[in-house]
C-alpha atoms as a PDB file:
ATOM      1  CA  MET A   1      -3.978 -63.603 -27.205  1.00  0.00           C
ATOM      2  CA  LYS A   2      -4.844 -67.245 -26.032  1.00  0.00           C
ATOM      3  CA  ILE A   3      -4.138 -67.962 -22.507  1.00  0.00           C
ATOM      4  CA  ALA A   4      -3.258 -70.930 -21.202  1.00  0.00           C
ATOM      5  CA  VAL A   5      -5.161 -71.855 -17.906  1.00  0.00           C
ATOM      6  CA  GLY A   6      -4.906 -74.079 -15.404  1.00  0.00           C
ATOM      7  CA  SER A   7      -5.388 -75.008 -11.653  1.00  0.00           C
ATOM      8  CA  ASP A   8      -5.573 -78.161  -9.495  1.00  0.00           C
ATOM      9  CA  HIS A   9      -7.794 -79.342  -7.343  1.00  0.00           C
ATOM     10  CA  ALA A  10      -7.951 -76.592  -5.317  1.00  0.00           C
ATOM     11  CA  GLY A  11      -8.527 -74.055  -7.642  1.00  0.00           C
ATOM     12  CA  PHE A  12     -10.682 -75.998  -9.829  1.00  0.00           C
ATOM     13  CA  GLU A  13     -14.100 -73.953  -8.353  1.00  0.00           C
ATOM     14  CA  TYR A  14     -12.283 -70.383  -9.214  1.00  0.00           C
ATOM     15  CA  LYS A  15     -11.053 -70.983 -12.713  1.00  0.00           C
ATOM     16  CA  LYS A  16     -13.904 -71.624 -14.080  1.00  0.00           C
ATOM     17  CA  THR A  17     -14.240 -67.646 -12.858  1.00  0.00           C
ATOM     18  CA  VAL A  18     -11.127 -67.119 -14.836  1.00  0.00           C
ATOM     19  CA  LEU A  19     -12.452 -68.803 -17.934  1.00  0.00           C
ATOM     20  CA  SER A  20     -16.043 -67.025 -18.234  1.00  0.00           C
ATOM     21  CA  TRP A  21     -13.699 -64.328 -17.455  1.00  0.00           C
ATOM     22  CA  LEU A  22     -11.481 -64.474 -20.472  1.00  0.00           C
ATOM     23  CA  GLU A  23     -14.833 -65.852 -22.404  1.00  0.00           C
ATOM     24  CA  ARG A  24     -16.078 -62.627 -21.989  1.00  0.00           C
ATOM     25  CA  ASN A  25     -13.318 -60.333 -22.332  1.00  0.00           C
ATOM     26  CA  GLY A  26     -12.280 -61.964 -26.213  1.00  0.00           C
ATOM     27  CA  TYR A  27      -9.454 -63.942 -25.304  1.00  0.00           C
ATOM     28  CA  GLU A  28      -8.955 -67.423 -26.412  1.00  0.00           C
ATOM     29  CA  ILE A  29      -8.338 -70.271 -24.440  1.00  0.00           C
ATOM     30  CA  ASN A  30      -5.877 -72.860 -23.889  1.00  0.00           C
ATOM     31  CA  ASP A  31      -7.927 -74.899 -20.520  1.00  0.00           C
ATOM     32  CA  MET A  32      -4.682 -77.315 -19.979  1.00  0.00           C
ATOM     33  CA  GLY A  33      -6.687 -79.068 -17.032  1.00  0.00           C
ATOM     34  CA  PRO A  34      -8.257 -80.589 -14.579  1.00  0.00           C
ATOM     35  CA  TYR A  35     -10.702 -80.257 -15.859  1.00  0.00           C
ATOM     36  CA  ASN A  36     -12.692 -82.238 -12.499  1.00  0.00           C
ATOM     37  CA  GLU A  37     -12.204 -81.317  -9.191  1.00  0.00           C
ATOM     38  CA  GLU A  38     -10.340 -84.787  -8.489  1.00  0.00           C
ATOM     39  CA  SER A  39      -7.409 -84.219  -6.162  1.00  0.00           C
ATOM     40  CA  VAL A  40      -4.407 -83.783  -8.777  1.00  0.00           C
ATOM     41  CA  ASP A  41      -0.301 -82.942  -7.382  1.00  0.00           C
ATOM     42  CA  TYR A  42      -0.709 -78.876  -9.012  1.00  0.00           C
ATOM     43  CA  PRO A  43       3.038 -79.313 -10.714  1.00  0.00           C
ATOM     44  CA  ASP A  44       1.799 -80.839 -13.584  1.00  0.00           C
ATOM     45  CA  TYR A  45      -0.561 -78.150 -14.806  1.00  0.00           C
ATOM     46  CA  ALA A  46       1.526 -75.579 -14.281  1.00  0.00           C
ATOM     47  CA  ARG A  47       4.692 -77.386 -15.401  1.00  0.00           C
ATOM     48  CA  LYS A  48       1.579 -77.972 -18.495  1.00  0.00           C
ATOM     49  CA  VAL A  49       0.524 -74.155 -18.967  1.00  0.00           C
ATOM     50  CA  ALA A  50       4.518 -72.811 -18.768  1.00  0.00           C
ATOM     51  CA  ILE A  51       5.530 -74.600 -21.804  1.00  0.00           C
ATOM     52  CA  ALA A  52       2.884 -73.542 -23.710  1.00  0.00           C
ATOM     53  CA  VAL A  53       4.154 -69.962 -22.857  1.00  0.00           C
ATOM     54  CA  ALA A  54       7.272 -70.585 -22.344  1.00  0.00           C
ATOM     55  CA  GLU A  55       7.073 -72.226 -26.199  1.00  0.00           C
ATOM     56  CA  GLY A  56       5.009 -69.981 -27.326  1.00  0.00           C
ATOM     57  CA  GLN A  57       1.739 -72.085 -27.994  1.00  0.00           C
ATOM     58  CA  CYS A  58       0.303 -69.139 -25.219  1.00  0.00           C
ATOM     59  CA  ASP A  59       0.618 -65.400 -25.081  1.00  0.00           C
ATOM     60  CA  SER A  60       0.585 -65.882 -21.264  1.00  0.00           C
ATOM     61  CA  GLY A  61      -1.069 -68.136 -18.103  1.00  0.00           C
ATOM     62  CA  VAL A  62      -3.030 -68.462 -15.727  1.00  0.00           C
ATOM     63  CA  LEU A  63      -2.367 -70.800 -13.015  1.00  0.00           C
ATOM     64  CA  LEU A  64      -4.791 -71.697  -9.554  1.00  0.00           C
ATOM     65  CA  CYS A  65      -4.242 -73.531  -6.251  1.00  0.00           C
ATOM     66  CA  GLY A  66      -4.653 -73.118  -2.552  1.00  0.00           C
ATOM     67  CA  THR A  67      -2.264 -70.666  -2.064  1.00  0.00           C
ATOM     68  CA  GLY A  68      -0.444 -70.429  -5.456  1.00  0.00           C
ATOM     69  CA  ILE A  69       2.906 -70.578  -4.492  1.00  0.00           C
ATOM     70  CA  GLY A  70       2.901 -74.328  -5.513  1.00  0.00           C
ATOM     71  CA  VAL A  71       1.543 -73.549  -8.941  1.00  0.00           C
ATOM     72  CA  SER A  72       4.291 -70.250  -8.634  1.00  0.00           C
ATOM     73  CA  ILE A  73       7.057 -72.802  -7.940  1.00  0.00           C
ATOM     74  CA  ALA A  74       6.328 -75.183 -10.407  1.00  0.00           C
ATOM     75  CA  ALA A  75       5.953 -72.606 -12.691  1.00  0.00           C
ATOM     76  CA  ASN A  76       9.002 -70.830 -12.482  1.00  0.00           C
ATOM     77  CA  LYS A  77      11.343 -74.199 -12.475  1.00  0.00           C
ATOM     78  CA  ILE A  78      10.968 -73.602 -17.230  1.00  0.00           C
ATOM     79  CA  LYS A  79      13.237 -71.472 -19.129  1.00  0.00           C
ATOM     80  CA  GLY A  80      11.254 -68.442 -19.297  1.00  0.00           C
ATOM     81  CA  ILE A  81       8.852 -68.126 -17.612  1.00  0.00           C
ATOM     82  CA  ARG A  82       8.392 -65.008 -14.914  1.00  0.00           C
ATOM     83  CA  ALA A  83       4.675 -66.477 -12.496  1.00  0.00           C
ATOM     84  CA  ALA A  84       4.065 -64.145  -9.365  1.00  0.00           C
ATOM     85  CA  LEU A  85       1.433 -64.958  -7.133  1.00  0.00           C
ATOM     86  CA  ALA A  86      -0.919 -62.028  -7.122  1.00  0.00           C
ATOM     87  CA  CYS A  87      -2.564 -62.050  -4.284  1.00  0.00           C
ATOM     88  CA  SER A  88      -4.732 -58.513  -5.550  1.00  0.00           C
ATOM     89  CA  PRO A  89      -5.116 -56.554  -7.969  1.00  0.00           C
ATOM     90  CA  GLU A  90      -2.423 -54.465  -6.577  1.00  0.00           C
ATOM     91  CA  PHE A  91      -0.009 -57.368  -7.071  1.00  0.00           C
ATOM     92  CA  ALA A  92      -1.287 -57.790 -10.431  1.00  0.00           C
ATOM     93  CA  SER A  93       0.006 -55.065 -11.491  1.00  0.00           C
ATOM     94  CA  LEU A  94       3.048 -54.636 -10.272  1.00  0.00           C
ATOM     95  CA  ALA A  95       4.258 -57.923 -11.183  1.00  0.00           C
ATOM     96  CA  ARG A  96       3.030 -56.857 -14.616  1.00  0.00           C
ATOM     97  CA  GLN A  97       4.687 -53.335 -14.670  1.00  0.00           C
ATOM     98  CA  HIS A  98       7.533 -54.695 -13.081  1.00  0.00           C
ATOM     99  CA  ASN A  99       8.756 -57.371 -13.261  1.00  0.00           C
ATOM    100  CA  ASN A 100       7.377 -58.414 -17.003  1.00  0.00           C
ATOM    101  CA  ALA A 101       5.338 -61.507 -15.217  1.00  0.00           C
ATOM    102  CA  ASN A 102       4.408 -63.755 -18.239  1.00  0.00           C
ATOM    103  CA  ILE A 103       2.405 -65.887 -16.023  1.00  0.00           C
ATOM    104  CA  ILE A 104      -0.385 -65.113 -13.392  1.00  0.00           C
ATOM    105  CA  CYS A 105      -1.374 -67.425  -9.919  1.00  0.00           C
ATOM    106  CA  LEU A 106      -3.628 -67.114  -7.892  1.00  0.00           C
ATOM    107  CA  PRO A 107      -4.356 -67.583  -4.497  1.00  0.00           C
ATOM    108  CA  ALA A 108      -8.023 -69.633  -4.266  1.00  0.00           C
ATOM    109  CA  ARG A 109      -7.849 -70.641  -0.981  1.00  0.00           C
ATOM    110  CA  PHE A 110      -7.375 -66.596   0.191  1.00  0.00           C
ATOM    111  CA  THR A 111     -10.118 -64.244  -2.323  1.00  0.00           C
ATOM    112  CA  ASP A 112     -13.183 -64.164  -4.436  1.00  0.00           C
ATOM    113  CA  ALA A 113     -14.835 -64.598  -7.173  1.00  0.00           C
ATOM    114  CA  SER A 114     -14.913 -60.310  -7.915  1.00  0.00           C
ATOM    115  CA  ILE A 115     -10.817 -60.097  -6.624  1.00  0.00           C
ATOM    116  CA  ILE A 116     -10.189 -62.516  -8.727  1.00  0.00           C
ATOM    117  CA  GLU A 117     -11.887 -60.913 -11.321  1.00  0.00           C
ATOM    118  CA  GLN A 118     -10.607 -57.718 -10.255  1.00  0.00           C
ATOM    119  CA  THR A 119      -6.956 -59.342 -10.890  1.00  0.00           C
ATOM    120  CA  LEU A 120      -7.242 -61.198 -14.127  1.00  0.00           C
ATOM    121  CA  HIS A 121      -8.480 -56.969 -14.963  1.00  0.00           C
ATOM    122  CA  ASN A 122      -5.304 -55.270 -13.952  1.00  0.00           C
ATOM    123  CA  TRP A 123      -2.920 -58.287 -15.268  1.00  0.00           C
ATOM    124  CA  PHE A 124      -4.488 -57.735 -18.637  1.00  0.00           C
ATOM    125  CA  MET A 125      -4.494 -54.090 -19.202  1.00  0.00           C
ATOM    126  CA  THR A 126      -0.938 -53.810 -17.461  1.00  0.00           C
ATOM    127  CA  ASP A 127       2.262 -53.184 -19.541  1.00  0.00           C
ATOM    128  CA  PHE A 128       6.021 -53.356 -18.848  1.00  0.00           C
ATOM    129  CA  GLU A 129       6.563 -50.622 -18.181  1.00  0.00           C
ATOM    130  CA  GLY A 130      11.124 -51.517 -19.443  1.00  0.00           C
ATOM    131  CA  GLY A 131      13.482 -48.515 -18.490  1.00  0.00           C
ATOM    132  CA  ARG A 132      15.889 -49.538 -15.431  1.00  0.00           C
ATOM    133  CA  HIS A 133      12.957 -52.883 -14.974  1.00  0.00           C
ATOM    134  CA  GLU A 134      14.384 -53.962 -17.620  1.00  0.00           C
ATOM    135  CA  LYS A 135      18.392 -54.970 -16.575  1.00  0.00           C
ATOM    136  CA  ARG A 136      16.835 -56.134 -13.708  1.00  0.00           C
ATOM    137  CA  VAL A 137      14.239 -57.900 -15.582  1.00  0.00           C
ATOM    138  CA  ASN A 138      16.945 -59.239 -18.311  1.00  0.00           C
ATOM    139  CA  LYS A 139      19.125 -61.146 -14.475  1.00  0.00           C
ATOM    140  CA  ILE A 140      16.179 -63.195 -14.083  1.00  0.00           C
ATOM    141  CA  GLU A 141      17.347 -66.429 -16.055  1.00  0.00           C
ATOM    142  CA  PRO A 142      18.822 -69.613 -14.868  1.00  0.00           C
ATOM    143  CA  CYS A 143      21.881 -69.294 -13.362  1.00  0.00           C
ATOM    144  CA  CYS A 144      23.259 -73.099 -13.145  1.00  0.00           C
END
């Protein structure tokens, strides 16, 4: 499974945690930047990750910024993306089970490495339940 990963400068330090966890767990990684802590604009990296997932170059994505909110808003502008803010491992499980989210967005300023690792574990170990949720997810498409 190939995973696109991106962040802004606020998420850069924890992006290293994400990359290490993915590598240890056997995932193929597409690190889409940034590659240092210099100030950058989060929509640029959210767009790169979202396009890679939407076009099928990567199976899913992980994004980080200070709150996770900015990258989730930006990623969700790309057709076919269901980016979910996961503030906890439980949010990650539910985003997959009920929303079939394909990008997880993490809040770098409001978490720590152990929570990020547990959140990633739940994200990648949880499948979409389908059923009653599938009809709802199918309604999540751009309307205009």
